[in-house]
Amino acid sequence: MPIKECLLENKTCNNCGECLICDLDRSKNCNNCMECIDTNIDFNAIGIDDVVYDEE
């Protein structure tokens, strides 16, 4: 089984759950409501750090 990397820091995932916390309300888990994304701008962008291919 491959080792998972942390989504927030450059370290091995320790299943802390920090990446699942809502950015707007730290007392709940993210439900992908997208309210934290500012849509009143001219464009949106996502920075890609790495592309990982699944080996089958």
PDB file of N, CA and C in Angstrom:
ATOM      1  N   MET A   1       0.850  -1.180   0.000  1.00  0.00           N
ATOM      2  CA  MET A   1       0.000   0.000   0.000  1.00  0.00           C
ATOM      3  C   MET A   1       0.897   1.246   0.000  1.00  0.00           C
ATOM      4  N   PRO A   2       0.652   2.188  -0.936  1.00  0.00           N
ATOM      5  CA  PRO A   2       1.488   3.390  -1.007  1.00  0.00           C
ATOM      6  C   PRO A   2       1.266   4.301   0.197  1.00  0.00           C
ATOM      7  N   ILE A   3       2.292   5.033   0.561  1.00  0.00           N
ATOM      8  CA  ILE A   3       2.225   5.980   1.670  1.00  0.00           C
ATOM      9  C   ILE A   3       1.543   7.256   1.182  1.00  0.00           C
ATOM     10  N   LYS A   4       0.525   7.712   1.928  1.00  0.00           N
ATOM     11  CA  LYS A   4      -0.187   8.938   1.567  1.00  0.00           C
ATOM     12  C   LYS A   4       0.570  10.149   2.082  1.00  0.00           C
ATOM     13  N   GLU A   5       0.563  11.215   1.289  1.00  0.00           N
ATOM     14  CA  GLU A   5       1.167  12.474   1.712  1.00  0.00           C
ATOM     15  C   GLU A   5       0.080  13.394   2.237  1.00  0.00           C
ATOM     16  N   CYS A   6       0.443  14.224   3.200  1.00  0.00           N
ATOM     17  CA  CYS A   6      -0.463  15.218   3.769  1.00  0.00           C
ATOM     18  C   CYS A   6      -0.824  16.229   2.683  1.00  0.00           C
ATOM     19  N   LEU A   7      -2.091  16.626   2.658  1.00  0.00           N
ATOM     20  CA  LEU A   7      -2.547  17.607   1.674  1.00  0.00           C
ATOM     21  C   LEU A   7      -2.197  19.035   2.059  1.00  0.00           C
ATOM     22  N   LEU A   8      -1.896  19.276   3.335  1.00  0.00           N
ATOM     23  CA  LEU A   8      -1.671  20.628   3.823  1.00  0.00           C
ATOM     24  C   LEU A   8      -0.208  20.952   4.087  1.00  0.00           C
ATOM     25  N   GLU A   9       0.580  19.944   4.407  1.00  0.00           N
ATOM     26  CA  GLU A   9       1.987  20.149   4.727  1.00  0.00           C
ATOM     27  C   GLU A   9       2.826  19.119   3.987  1.00  0.00           C
ATOM     28  N   ASN A  10       4.115  19.367   3.903  1.00  0.00           N
ATOM     29  CA  ASN A  10       5.024  18.447   3.235  1.00  0.00           C
ATOM     30  C   ASN A  10       5.470  17.379   4.233  1.00  0.00           C
ATOM     31  N   LYS A  11       4.595  16.389   4.479  1.00  0.00           N
ATOM     32  CA  LYS A  11       4.879  15.313   5.411  1.00  0.00           C
ATOM     33  C   LYS A  11       3.993  14.118   5.081  1.00  0.00           C
ATOM     34  N   THR A  12       4.231  13.017   5.743  1.00  0.00           N
ATOM     35  CA  THR A  12       3.403  11.829   5.573  1.00  0.00           C
ATOM     36  C   THR A  12       2.073  12.033   6.284  1.00  0.00           C
ATOM     37  N   CYS A  13       0.997  11.581   5.672  1.00  0.00           N
ATOM     38  CA  CYS A  13      -0.338  11.693   6.273  1.00  0.00           C
ATOM     39  C   CYS A  13      -0.393  10.848   7.546  1.00  0.00           C
ATOM     40  N   ASN A  14      -0.896  11.455   8.629  1.00  0.00           N
ATOM     41  CA  ASN A  14      -1.075  10.716   9.876  1.00  0.00           C
ATOM     42  C   ASN A  14      -2.559  10.615  10.244  1.00  0.00           C
ATOM     43  N   ASN A  15      -3.432  10.852   9.269  1.00  0.00           N
ATOM     44  CA  ASN A  15      -4.886  10.749   9.436  1.00  0.00           C
ATOM     45  C   ASN A  15      -5.414  11.661  10.551  1.00  0.00           C
ATOM     46  N   CYS A  16      -4.863  12.871  10.658  1.00  0.00           N
ATOM     47  CA  CYS A  16      -5.292  13.810  11.701  1.00  0.00           C
ATOM     48  C   CYS A  16      -6.660  14.420  11.388  1.00  0.00           C
ATOM     49  N   GLY A  17      -7.050  14.462  10.114  1.00  0.00           N
ATOM     50  CA  GLY A  17      -8.350  15.001   9.730  1.00  0.00           C
ATOM     51  C   GLY A  17      -8.373  16.501   9.501  1.00  0.00           C
ATOM     52  N   GLU A  18      -7.252  17.179   9.651  1.00  0.00           N
ATOM     53  CA  GLU A  18      -7.190  18.631   9.471  1.00  0.00           C
ATOM     54  C   GLU A  18      -7.635  19.045   8.062  1.00  0.00           C
ATOM     55  N   CYS A  19      -7.371  18.221   7.068  1.00  0.00           N
ATOM     56  CA  CYS A  19      -7.742  18.544   5.684  1.00  0.00           C
ATOM     57  C   CYS A  19      -9.248  18.431   5.451  1.00  0.00           C
ATOM     58  N   LEU A  20      -9.982  17.888   6.396  1.00  0.00           N
ATOM     59  CA  LEU A  20     -11.427  17.721   6.263  1.00  0.00           C
ATOM     60  C   LEU A  20     -12.221  18.819   6.957  1.00  0.00           C
ATOM     61  N   ILE A  21     -11.526  19.772   7.604  1.00  0.00           N
ATOM     62  CA  ILE A  21     -12.187  20.837   8.366  1.00  0.00           C
ATOM     63  C   ILE A  21     -12.643  21.958   7.425  1.00  0.00           C
ATOM     64  N   CYS A  22     -13.850  22.479   7.670  1.00  0.00           N
ATOM     65  CA  CYS A  22     -14.406  23.589   6.892  1.00  0.00           C
ATOM     66  C   CYS A  22     -13.564  24.846   7.099  1.00  0.00           C
ATOM     67  N   ASP A  23     -13.249  25.559   6.021  1.00  0.00           N
ATOM     68  CA  ASP A  23     -12.470  26.796   6.115  1.00  0.00           C
ATOM     69  C   ASP A  23     -13.267  27.938   6.746  1.00  0.00           C
ATOM     70  N   LEU A  24     -14.586  27.903   6.644  1.00  0.00           N
ATOM     71  CA  LEU A  24     -15.418  28.987   7.162  1.00  0.00           C
ATOM     72  C   LEU A  24     -15.885  28.742   8.597  1.00  0.00           C
ATOM     73  N   ASP A  25     -16.076  27.486   8.967  1.00  0.00           N
ATOM     74  CA  ASP A  25     -16.545  27.129  10.309  1.00  0.00           C
ATOM     75  C   ASP A  25     -15.710  25.959  10.808  1.00  0.00           C
ATOM     76  N   ARG A  26     -14.663  26.258  11.579  1.00  0.00           N
ATOM     77  CA  ARG A  26     -13.713  25.244  12.033  1.00  0.00           C
ATOM     78  C   ARG A  26     -14.348  24.190  12.936  1.00  0.00           C
ATOM     79  N   SER A  27     -15.604  24.364  13.320  1.00  0.00           N
ATOM     80  CA  SER A  27     -16.254  23.386  14.193  1.00  0.00           C
ATOM     81  C   SER A  27     -16.947  22.273  13.404  1.00  0.00           C
ATOM     82  N   LYS A  28     -16.906  22.319  12.067  1.00  0.00           N
ATOM     83  CA  LYS A  28     -17.564  21.275  11.276  1.00  0.00           C
ATOM     84  C   LYS A  28     -16.652  20.785  10.160  1.00  0.00           C
ATOM     85  N   ASN A  29     -16.982  19.634   9.618  1.00  0.00           N
ATOM     86  CA  ASN A  29     -16.239  19.073   8.496  1.00  0.00           C
ATOM     87  C   ASN A  29     -16.685  19.720   7.191  1.00  0.00           C
ATOM     88  N   CYS A  30     -15.793  19.768   6.230  1.00  0.00           N
ATOM     89  CA  CYS A  30     -16.110  20.308   4.912  1.00  0.00           C
ATOM     90  C   CYS A  30     -17.160  19.420   4.245  1.00  0.00           C
ATOM     91  N   ASN A  31     -18.161  20.056   3.665  1.00  0.00           N
ATOM     92  CA  ASN A  31     -19.188  19.315   2.932  1.00  0.00           C
ATOM     93  C   ASN A  31     -19.194  19.704   1.451  1.00  0.00           C
ATOM     94  N   ASN A  32     -18.115  20.348   1.010  1.00  0.00           N
ATOM     95  CA  ASN A  32     -17.956  20.769  -0.388  1.00  0.00           C
ATOM     96  C   ASN A  32     -19.062  21.711  -0.851  1.00  0.00           C
ATOM     97  N   CYS A  33     -19.506  22.607   0.026  1.00  0.00           N
ATOM     98  CA  CYS A  33     -20.564  23.557  -0.329  1.00  0.00           C
ATOM     99  C   CYS A  33     -20.049  24.666  -1.254  1.00  0.00           C
ATOM    100  N   MET A  34     -18.724  24.868  -1.291  1.00  0.00           N
ATOM    101  CA  MET A  34     -18.062  25.841  -2.154  1.00  0.00           C
ATOM    102  C   MET A  34     -18.315  27.296  -1.749  1.00  0.00           C
ATOM    103  N   GLU A  35     -18.866  27.543  -0.577  1.00  0.00           N
ATOM    104  CA  GLU A  35     -19.089  28.910  -0.111  1.00  0.00           C
ATOM    105  C   GLU A  35     -17.782  29.635   0.185  1.00  0.00           C
ATOM    106  N   CYS A  36     -16.704  28.898   0.392  1.00  0.00           N
ATOM    107  CA  CYS A  36     -15.403  29.510   0.684  1.00  0.00           C
ATOM    108  C   CYS A  36     -14.709  30.013  -0.587  1.00  0.00           C
ATOM    109  N   ILE A  37     -15.242  29.667  -1.750  1.00  0.00           N
ATOM    110  CA  ILE A  37     -14.673  30.100  -3.024  1.00  0.00           C
ATOM    111  C   ILE A  37     -15.323  31.408  -3.439  1.00  0.00           C
ATOM    112  N   ASP A  38     -14.504  32.441  -3.673  1.00  0.00           N
ATOM    113  CA  ASP A  38     -15.012  33.747  -4.095  1.00  0.00           C
ATOM    114  C   ASP A  38     -15.352  33.687  -5.585  1.00  0.00           C
ATOM    115  N   THR A  39     -16.632  33.774  -5.915  1.00  0.00           N
ATOM    116  CA  THR A  39     -17.056  33.686  -7.320  1.00  0.00           C
ATOM    117  C   THR A  39     -17.300  35.057  -7.943  1.00  0.00           C
ATOM    118  N   ASN A  40     -17.108  36.131  -7.202  1.00  0.00           N
ATOM    119  CA  ASN A  40     -17.322  37.482  -7.726  1.00  0.00           C
ATOM    120  C   ASN A  40     -16.016  38.087  -8.246  1.00  0.00           C
ATOM    121  N   ILE A  41     -15.246  37.294  -8.946  1.00  0.00           N
ATOM    122  CA  ILE A  41     -13.984  37.757  -9.527  1.00  0.00           C
ATOM    123  C   ILE A  41     -13.972  37.420 -11.013  1.00  0.00           C
ATOM    124  N   ASP A  42     -13.022  37.977 -11.742  1.00  0.00           N
ATOM    125  CA  ASP A  42     -12.972  37.791 -13.190  1.00  0.00           C
ATOM    126  C   ASP A  42     -12.588  36.377 -13.606  1.00  0.00           C
ATOM    127  N   PHE A  43     -11.777  35.696 -12.802  1.00  0.00           N
ATOM    128  CA  PHE A  43     -11.385  34.328 -13.140  1.00  0.00           C
ATOM    129  C   PHE A  43     -11.034  33.565 -11.867  1.00  0.00           C
ATOM    130  N   ASN A  44     -11.074  32.244 -11.945  1.00  0.00           N
ATOM    131  CA  ASN A  44     -10.658  31.360 -10.859  1.00  0.00           C
ATOM    132  C   ASN A  44      -9.492  30.530 -11.351  1.00  0.00           C
ATOM    133  N   ALA A  45      -8.605  30.161 -10.451  1.00  0.00           N
ATOM    134  CA  ALA A  45      -7.460  29.338 -10.825  1.00  0.00           C
ATOM    135  C   ALA A  45      -7.129  28.375  -9.696  1.00  0.00           C
ATOM    136  N   ILE A  46      -6.562  27.260 -10.058  1.00  0.00           N
ATOM    137  CA  ILE A  46      -6.093  26.270  -9.097  1.00  0.00           C
ATOM    138  C   ILE A  46      -4.640  25.987  -9.413  1.00  0.00           C
ATOM    139  N   GLY A  47      -3.771  26.073  -8.412  1.00  0.00           N
ATOM    140  CA  GLY A  47      -2.363  25.747  -8.596  1.00  0.00           C
ATOM    141  C   GLY A  47      -2.152  24.255  -8.414  1.00  0.00           C
ATOM    142  N   ILE A  48      -1.483  23.620  -9.359  1.00  0.00           N
ATOM    143  CA  ILE A  48      -1.200  22.187  -9.293  1.00  0.00           C
ATOM    144  C   ILE A  48       0.269  22.007  -8.946  1.00  0.00           C
ATOM    145  N   ASP A  49       0.518  21.326  -7.830  1.00  0.00           N
ATOM    146  CA  ASP A  49       1.884  21.091  -7.379  1.00  0.00           C
ATOM    147  C   ASP A  49       2.486  19.835  -7.989  1.00  0.00           C
ATOM    148  N   ASP A  50       1.654  18.820  -8.202  1.00  0.00           N
ATOM    149  CA  ASP A  50       2.178  17.532  -8.635  1.00  0.00           C
ATOM    150  C   ASP A  50       1.056  16.733  -9.295  1.00  0.00           C
ATOM    151  N   VAL A  51       1.423  15.896 -10.233  1.00  0.00           N
ATOM    152  CA  VAL A  51       0.490  14.975 -10.861  1.00  0.00           C
ATOM    153  C   VAL A  51       0.945  13.571 -10.507  1.00  0.00           C
ATOM    154  N   VAL A  52       0.049  12.780  -9.914  1.00  0.00           N
ATOM    155  CA  VAL A  52       0.386  11.437  -9.486  1.00  0.00           C
ATOM    156  C   VAL A  52      -0.467  10.454 -10.284  1.00  0.00           C
ATOM    157  N   TYR A  53       0.193   9.521 -10.923  1.00  0.00           N
ATOM    158  CA  TYR A  53      -0.503   8.506 -11.702  1.00  0.00           C
ATOM    159  C   TYR A  53      -0.633   7.234 -10.887  1.00  0.00           C
ATOM    160  N   ASP A  54      -1.803   6.615 -10.910  1.00  0.00           N
ATOM    161  CA  ASP A  54      -2.002   5.332 -10.226  1.00  0.00           C
ATOM    162  C   ASP A  54      -1.331   4.238 -11.036  1.00  0.00           C
ATOM    163  N   GLU A  55      -0.572   3.416 -10.344  1.00  0.00           N
ATOM    164  CA  GLU A  55       0.061   2.276 -11.004  1.00  0.00           C
ATOM    165  C   GLU A  55      -0.805   1.054 -10.751  1.00  0.00           C
ATOM    166  N   GLU A  56      -1.235   0.431 -11.822  1.00  0.00           N
ATOM    167  CA  GLU A  56      -2.114  -0.743 -11.675  1.00  0.00           C
ATOM    168  C   GLU A  56      -1.407  -1.979 -12.119  1.00  0.00           C
TER     169      GLU A  56
END
